[in-house]
Protein backbone atom coordinates (compact mmCIF):
# COMPACT_ATOMS: atom_id res chain seq x y z
CA UNK A 1 92.96 74.74 -124.75
CA UNK A 2 91.29 75.22 -128.13
CA UNK A 3 87.58 74.69 -128.67
CA UNK A 4 86.10 73.96 -132.09
CA UNK A 5 82.33 74.28 -132.28
CA UNK A 6 80.07 73.17 -135.10
CA UNK A 7 76.48 72.31 -135.89
CA UNK A 8 74.64 75.60 -136.01
CA UNK A 9 72.26 76.56 -138.77
CA UNK A 10 68.78 77.64 -139.74
CA UNK A 11 65.79 75.62 -138.58
CA UNK A 12 62.06 76.15 -138.35
CA UNK A 13 60.31 76.56 -135.03
CA UNK A 14 59.81 73.16 -133.43
CA UNK A 15 62.84 71.71 -135.16
CA UNK A 16 66.06 70.29 -133.78
CA UNK A 17 69.77 70.96 -134.04
CA UNK A 18 72.80 69.36 -132.45
CA UNK A 19 75.87 71.39 -131.58
CA UNK A 20 79.27 69.80 -131.09
CA UNK A 21 82.41 71.15 -129.48
CA UNK A 22 85.76 69.40 -129.55
CA UNK A 23 88.55 70.41 -127.19
CA UNK A 24 92.23 70.11 -127.95
CA UNK A 25 95.46 71.22 -126.33
CA UNK A 26 95.79 71.11 -122.55
CA UNK A 27 92.67 69.00 -122.13
CA UNK A 28 93.70 67.61 -118.75
CA UNK A 29 93.17 71.11 -117.41
CA UNK A 30 89.49 71.08 -118.26
CA UNK A 31 86.76 70.52 -115.69
CA UNK A 32 83.33 71.81 -116.70
CA UNK A 33 82.30 72.30 -120.31
CA UNK A 34 79.20 73.97 -121.57
CA UNK A 35 77.35 76.26 -123.90
CA UNK A 36 76.49 79.93 -123.68
CA UNK A 37 74.52 82.02 -126.13
CA UNK A 38 74.26 85.66 -127.06
CA UNK A 39 71.34 87.15 -128.92
CA UNK A 40 71.59 90.54 -130.65
CA UNK A 41 71.49 93.35 -128.11
CA UNK A 42 71.60 90.96 -125.17
CA UNK A 43 74.24 89.75 -122.77
CA UNK A 44 75.83 86.36 -123.12
CA UNK A 45 73.97 83.83 -120.99
CA UNK A 46 74.56 80.30 -119.78
CA UNK A 47 72.56 77.66 -121.64
CA UNK A 48 73.88 74.44 -120.11
CA UNK A 49 76.99 73.10 -118.47
CA UNK A 50 78.27 69.65 -117.58
CA UNK A 51 81.04 68.70 -115.17
CA UNK A 52 83.60 66.01 -115.83
CA UNK A 53 81.56 63.67 -113.62
CA UNK A 54 78.38 64.39 -115.57
CA UNK A 55 76.61 66.85 -113.31
CA UNK A 56 74.46 69.14 -115.45
CA UNK A 57 72.95 72.58 -115.07
CA UNK A 58 70.44 74.15 -117.47
CA UNK A 59 68.97 77.59 -117.68
CA UNK A 60 65.24 77.47 -117.02
CA UNK A 61 64.18 78.42 -120.54
CA UNK A 62 65.75 75.30 -122.10
CA UNK A 63 64.92 72.68 -119.48
CA UNK A 64 63.10 69.76 -121.03
CA UNK A 65 64.10 70.80 -124.55
CA UNK A 66 67.89 70.81 -124.57
CA UNK A 67 70.24 68.06 -123.46
CA UNK A 68 73.95 68.47 -122.84
CA UNK A 69 76.24 65.47 -122.96
CA UNK A 70 79.94 64.82 -122.88
CA UNK A 71 82.48 62.20 -123.84
CA UNK A 72 85.60 62.71 -121.74
CA UNK A 73 87.61 60.24 -123.83
CA UNK A 74 86.84 62.22 -126.99
CA UNK A 75 87.09 65.61 -125.23
CA UNK A 76 83.79 66.53 -126.86
CA UNK A 77 80.59 68.07 -125.59
CA UNK A 78 77.27 68.13 -127.43
CA UNK A 79 74.10 70.15 -127.07
CA UNK A 80 70.98 68.48 -128.45
CA UNK A 81 68.37 71.15 -128.99
CA UNK A 82 64.78 70.04 -129.58
CA UNK A 83 61.53 71.97 -129.86
CA UNK A 84 63.46 75.05 -130.87
CA UNK A 85 61.79 78.42 -130.57
CA UNK A 86 62.54 81.75 -132.29
CA UNK A 87 63.78 83.07 -128.94
CA UNK A 88 66.55 80.46 -129.06
CA UNK A 89 68.08 82.38 -131.96
CA UNK A 90 71.58 83.44 -130.95
CA UNK A 91 75.26 82.82 -131.43
CA UNK A 92 76.15 79.79 -129.33
CA UNK A 93 79.57 79.60 -127.74
CA UNK A 94 81.31 76.53 -126.42
CA UNK A 95 82.96 77.03 -123.04
CA UNK A 96 85.46 75.10 -120.95
CA UNK A 97 86.65 75.92 -117.46
CA UNK A 98 90.10 75.20 -116.12
CA UNK A 99 90.01 72.88 -113.12
CA UNK A 100 93.01 74.64 -111.56
CA UNK A 101 92.61 78.34 -112.30
CA UNK A 102 88.91 78.46 -113.26
CA UNK A 103 89.99 80.29 -116.42
CA UNK A 104 87.30 80.29 -119.10
CA UNK A 105 88.17 79.10 -122.58
CA UNK A 106 85.85 80.01 -125.47
CA UNK A 107 85.13 78.58 -128.89
CA UNK A 108 84.50 80.73 -131.95
CA UNK A 109 80.71 80.71 -131.79
CA UNK A 110 78.16 79.12 -134.09
CA UNK A 111 74.96 80.80 -135.28
CA UNK A 112 71.61 79.21 -134.51
CA UNK A 113 68.61 80.79 -136.21
CA UNK A 114 65.07 79.59 -135.56
CA UNK A 115 62.42 80.88 -137.92
CA UNK A 116 58.78 81.18 -136.89
């Protein structure tokens, strides 16, 4: 499975960005897809995840501001980020989990920078 992420950039506090991640390869192996982020000097953390059936999980700090969605036919997951804060600044990584082995696939990361 290969994951191609896009959509990061620089935005002012309060602004919005939309991240996209397209999966290719052994896509039938994929169950959950999601987004993680890693800020400088911090560990990578879960932002949001969505199962193939549409069940979603968000980390508390983004609830009500971020929305994850998925199109199984297009093998694509999106992360709509609204009301962005400087603390959202991080490299965002697309993630997909194998439904058989629970192996984690990772995209290349896309930088999101929120200026105050």
